[in-house]
Protein backbone atom coordinates (compact mmCIF):
# COMPACT_ATOMS: atom_id res chain seq x y z
CA MET A 1 0.00 0.00 0.00
CA LYS A 2 1.13 3.56 -0.71
CA LYS A 3 0.46 6.67 1.32
CA ILE A 4 1.41 10.32 1.32
CA ILE A 5 3.94 11.20 4.01
CA LEU A 6 4.97 14.57 5.42
CA PRO A 7 8.16 15.69 7.16
CA GLY A 8 8.13 14.28 10.69
CA ASP A 9 5.77 11.39 9.91
CA ALA A 10 6.83 8.17 11.61
CA LEU A 11 7.98 5.29 9.42
CA PRO A 12 8.58 1.60 10.20
CA ASP A 13 11.59 1.02 12.42
CA ASP A 14 12.98 -1.59 10.02
CA LEU A 15 13.19 0.96 7.20
CA ALA A 16 16.85 1.64 6.52
CA VAL A 17 17.70 5.27 7.23
CA ALA A 18 18.11 6.84 3.80
CA HIS A 19 18.62 10.33 2.39
CA TYR A 20 14.94 11.10 2.98
CA THR A 21 14.73 9.94 6.60
CA CYS A 22 16.31 10.66 9.95
CA ILE A 23 16.15 9.45 13.55
CA ASN A 24 14.01 11.50 15.94
CA ASN A 25 13.63 10.38 19.56
CA GLY A 26 14.64 6.87 18.55
CA SER A 27 12.15 6.59 15.68
CA VAL A 28 12.63 6.73 11.90
CA VAL A 29 10.81 9.75 10.48
CA SER A 30 10.49 11.30 7.03
CA LYS A 31 12.38 14.45 6.09
CA VAL A 32 10.36 15.03 2.91
CA VAL A 33 6.91 15.24 1.40
CA GLY A 34 6.57 12.04 -0.60
CA VAL A 35 4.89 8.72 -1.21
CA TYR A 36 5.81 5.75 0.96
CA ASP A 37 5.42 2.27 -0.53
CA ASP A 38 5.22 -0.16 2.39
CA GLU A 39 5.66 -3.21 0.15
CA ARG A 40 8.93 -2.02 -1.37
CA LYS A 41 9.89 0.00 1.72
CA GLU A 42 10.69 2.87 -0.57
CA ILE A 43 10.16 6.63 -0.37
CA VAL A 44 9.55 8.64 -3.54
CA PRO A 45 9.91 12.35 -2.67
CA LEU A 46 7.49 14.63 -4.49
CA GLU A 47 9.71 17.69 -4.28
CA GLY A 48 13.10 18.63 -2.96
CA ALA A 49 16.41 20.21 -3.92
CA TRP A 50 19.58 18.29 -4.60
CA HIS A 51 22.06 18.12 -1.75
CA PRO A 52 25.60 17.07 -2.75
CA ARG A 53 27.05 13.99 -1.08
CA VAL A 54 30.53 12.54 -1.31
CA GLY A 55 30.59 9.86 -3.99
CA SER A 56 27.57 11.21 -5.90
CA SER A 57 27.80 11.13 -9.68
CA ILE A 58 26.90 14.43 -11.33
CA VAL A 59 26.48 15.91 -14.78
CA GLY A 60 27.38 19.59 -15.07
CA ILE A 61 28.38 22.38 -17.44
CA ILE A 62 31.76 24.11 -17.27
CA ALA A 63 30.94 27.74 -16.39
CA SER A 64 34.43 29.19 -16.06
CA VAL A 65 38.02 28.00 -16.33
CA GLY A 66 40.75 29.34 -14.06
CA ARG A 67 44.42 28.53 -13.65
CA ASN A 68 43.90 25.86 -11.00
CA THR A 69 40.15 25.27 -10.83
CA CYS A 70 36.99 25.25 -12.90
CA SER A 71 33.50 26.26 -11.87
CA ILE A 72 30.75 23.78 -12.79
CA ASP A 73 27.09 24.76 -13.22
CA LEU A 74 25.04 22.10 -11.42
CA LYS A 75 21.64 23.83 -11.73
CA HIS A 76 19.63 25.03 -8.67
CA SER A 77 21.83 28.18 -8.55
CA SER A 78 24.49 25.74 -7.39
CA TYR A 79 28.10 25.50 -8.53
CA GLY A 80 30.81 22.92 -7.96
CA ILE A 81 34.56 23.19 -8.16
CA LEU A 82 36.79 21.03 -10.33
CA VAL A 83 40.47 21.01 -9.40
CA ASN A 84 42.77 20.96 -12.43
CA ASP A 85 44.91 18.05 -11.23
CA LYS A 86 41.79 15.87 -11.00
CA MET A 87 40.66 16.13 -14.60
CA SER A 88 41.73 12.71 -15.92
CA ARG A 89 43.71 14.26 -18.82
CA TYR A 90 40.67 16.32 -19.83
CA SER A 91 41.30 19.99 -20.83
CA PRO A 92 38.09 21.86 -19.97
CA LYS A 93 36.43 24.62 -21.99
CA VAL A 94 33.50 26.83 -21.04
CA GLY A 95 30.25 25.19 -22.16
CA ASP A 96 31.56 21.63 -22.03
CA VAL A 97 29.22 19.10 -20.46
CA ILE A 98 31.01 16.71 -18.11
CA GLU A 99 30.30 13.82 -15.80
CA SER A 100 32.16 13.74 -12.51
CA VAL A 101 32.06 12.54 -8.91
CA VAL A 102 31.80 14.54 -5.70
CA ARG A 103 35.12 14.14 -3.89
CA SER A 104 34.42 16.38 -0.88
CA ILE A 105 32.06 19.08 0.38
CA GLU A 106 33.52 22.47 1.23
CA ARG A 107 32.07 25.39 3.17
CA LYS A 108 28.59 26.60 2.16
CA ASN A 109 27.83 23.12 0.82
CA VAL A 110 30.04 23.54 -2.27
CA PRO A 111 31.00 20.19 -3.84
CA VAL A 112 34.56 19.61 -5.04
CA MET A 113 34.57 17.34 -8.08
CA ASP A 114 36.92 14.57 -9.14
CA ARG A 115 37.47 12.26 -12.15
CA ALA A 116 35.88 14.56 -14.75
CA ARG A 117 35.13 13.17 -18.20
CA LEU A 118 33.87 15.05 -21.23
CA ILE A 119 30.40 14.02 -22.46
CA ASP A 120 29.92 13.69 -26.23
CA GLY A 121 28.98 17.07 -27.67
CA SER A 122 26.17 15.49 -29.72
CA SER A 123 24.34 14.44 -26.54
CA TRP A 124 21.03 16.01 -25.61
CA LEU A 125 20.97 17.49 -22.11
CA VAL A 126 17.67 17.41 -20.23
CA TYR A 127 16.86 18.36 -16.66
CA VAL A 128 14.82 16.28 -14.21
CA LYS A 129 13.88 17.24 -10.67
CA PRO A 130 16.51 15.56 -8.49
CA SER A 131 13.78 14.04 -6.32
CA LYS A 132 12.65 12.02 -9.37
CA ILE A 133 16.10 10.77 -10.40
CA PRO A 134 15.82 7.54 -8.33
CA ARG A 135 12.79 6.59 -10.44
CA VAL A 136 14.66 7.35 -13.67
CA LEU A 137 17.36 4.95 -12.51
CA GLY A 138 15.05 2.30 -11.06
CA ARG A 139 16.05 -0.45 -8.70
CA ASN A 140 19.56 -1.62 -9.61
CA ASN A 141 19.36 0.74 -12.61
CA SER A 142 16.61 -1.42 -14.11
CA MET A 143 14.58 1.48 -15.53
CA LEU A 144 17.64 3.14 -17.04
CA LYS A 145 18.82 -0.10 -18.67
CA GLN A 146 15.35 -0.70 -20.12
CA ILE A 147 15.19 2.75 -21.71
CA GLU A 148 18.70 2.43 -23.14
CA GLU A 149 17.95 -0.99 -24.61
CA LEU A 150 14.60 -0.07 -26.17
CA THR A 151 15.78 3.27 -27.57
CA GLN A 152 19.36 2.31 -28.51
CA THR A 153 20.77 5.19 -26.51
CA ARG A 154 23.43 5.80 -23.91
CA ILE A 155 22.16 7.78 -20.93
CA ILE A 156 24.34 9.40 -18.28
CA VAL A 157 22.37 10.40 -15.20
CA GLY A 158 23.60 13.02 -12.76
CA LEU A 159 22.09 12.89 -9.29
CA ASN A 160 21.88 16.70 -9.47
CA GLY A 161 19.22 16.35 -12.19
CA PHE A 162 21.06 16.78 -15.50
CA VAL A 163 20.69 13.79 -17.84
CA ALA A 164 22.78 13.44 -21.03
CA ILE A 165 21.37 11.26 -23.83
CA SER A 166 23.13 10.14 -27.00
CA GLY A 167 22.35 7.55 -29.67
CA LYS A 168 19.57 6.71 -32.13
CA GLY A 169 16.35 7.05 -30.16
CA ILE A 170 16.86 10.33 -28.33
CA ASN A 171 13.26 11.52 -28.74
CA PRO A 172 11.60 8.40 -27.28
CA ALA A 173 14.21 8.34 -24.51
CA VAL A 174 13.36 11.94 -23.59
CA ALA A 175 9.64 11.13 -23.73
CA SER A 176 10.24 8.22 -21.34
CA ILE A 177 12.11 10.38 -18.88
CA ARG A 178 9.39 13.05 -18.96
CA LYS A 179 6.73 10.43 -18.30
CA ILE A 180 8.73 9.06 -15.36
CA GLU A 181 9.09 12.56 -13.96
CA SER A 182 5.36 13.25 -14.14
CA GLU A 183 4.29 9.82 -12.85
CA ALA A 184 7.07 9.06 -10.36
CA HIS A 185 4.51 8.51 -7.58
CA THR A 186 2.60 5.79 -9.47
CA SER A 187 3.04 2.02 -9.39
CA GLY A 188 3.88 -0.23 -12.33
CA LEU A 189 5.93 2.50 -13.94
CA THR A 190 8.55 0.17 -15.44
CA ASP A 191 5.87 -1.70 -17.40
CA LYS A 192 4.20 1.56 -18.46
CA ILE A 193 7.47 2.84 -19.89
CA LYS A 194 8.13 -0.45 -21.65
CA ASP A 195 4.65 -0.44 -23.24
CA MET A 196 5.02 3.18 -24.33
CA LEU A 197 8.40 2.56 -25.98
CA LEU A 198 7.22 -0.58 -27.72
CA SER A 199 4.16 1.25 -29.06
CA MET A 200 6.39 4.01 -30.41
CA LYS A 201 8.26 1.40 -32.46
CA GLU A 202 5.10 0.16 -34.18
């Protein structure tokens, strides 16, 4: 069964504490407005900004290039820092789209990025609310793999909300992602996306 939850609502004690929960007076409570699925023990937040975490994969746009660092546009009026000696032999230019990993978090919640790689310039870049990114990925990346297989695309998902898509079926892939974003709170979404993509091939 699914139900709407609000910040502070109590959740089952056996629910693993995740990004959307915290411990309050010994109980697991929600930190977000979302939908709780008690069968899957999963929270799908309905809204919420992205908060950088060490190890998170991101997709961003190079905003400026300095002597020792680059500034990366991560959306949400948020910027990250890329240190030049962590660029994996990549020479950045303003406007480049890159994938990278959060190495550390500095003051004012500014992420420092590591292991930057240039994303193919022919890729389409779309933006998804970060709270919906877990549904775009699916459990064990099952949704993402399904979309890539049925659309013959390669999709790079940033947890900050930017998604880069390249390959043959970019339009159906984008349509799939938009449908996931609008219906993230519904059940049976993997099958719905599969049916939609198969119908688009007919």
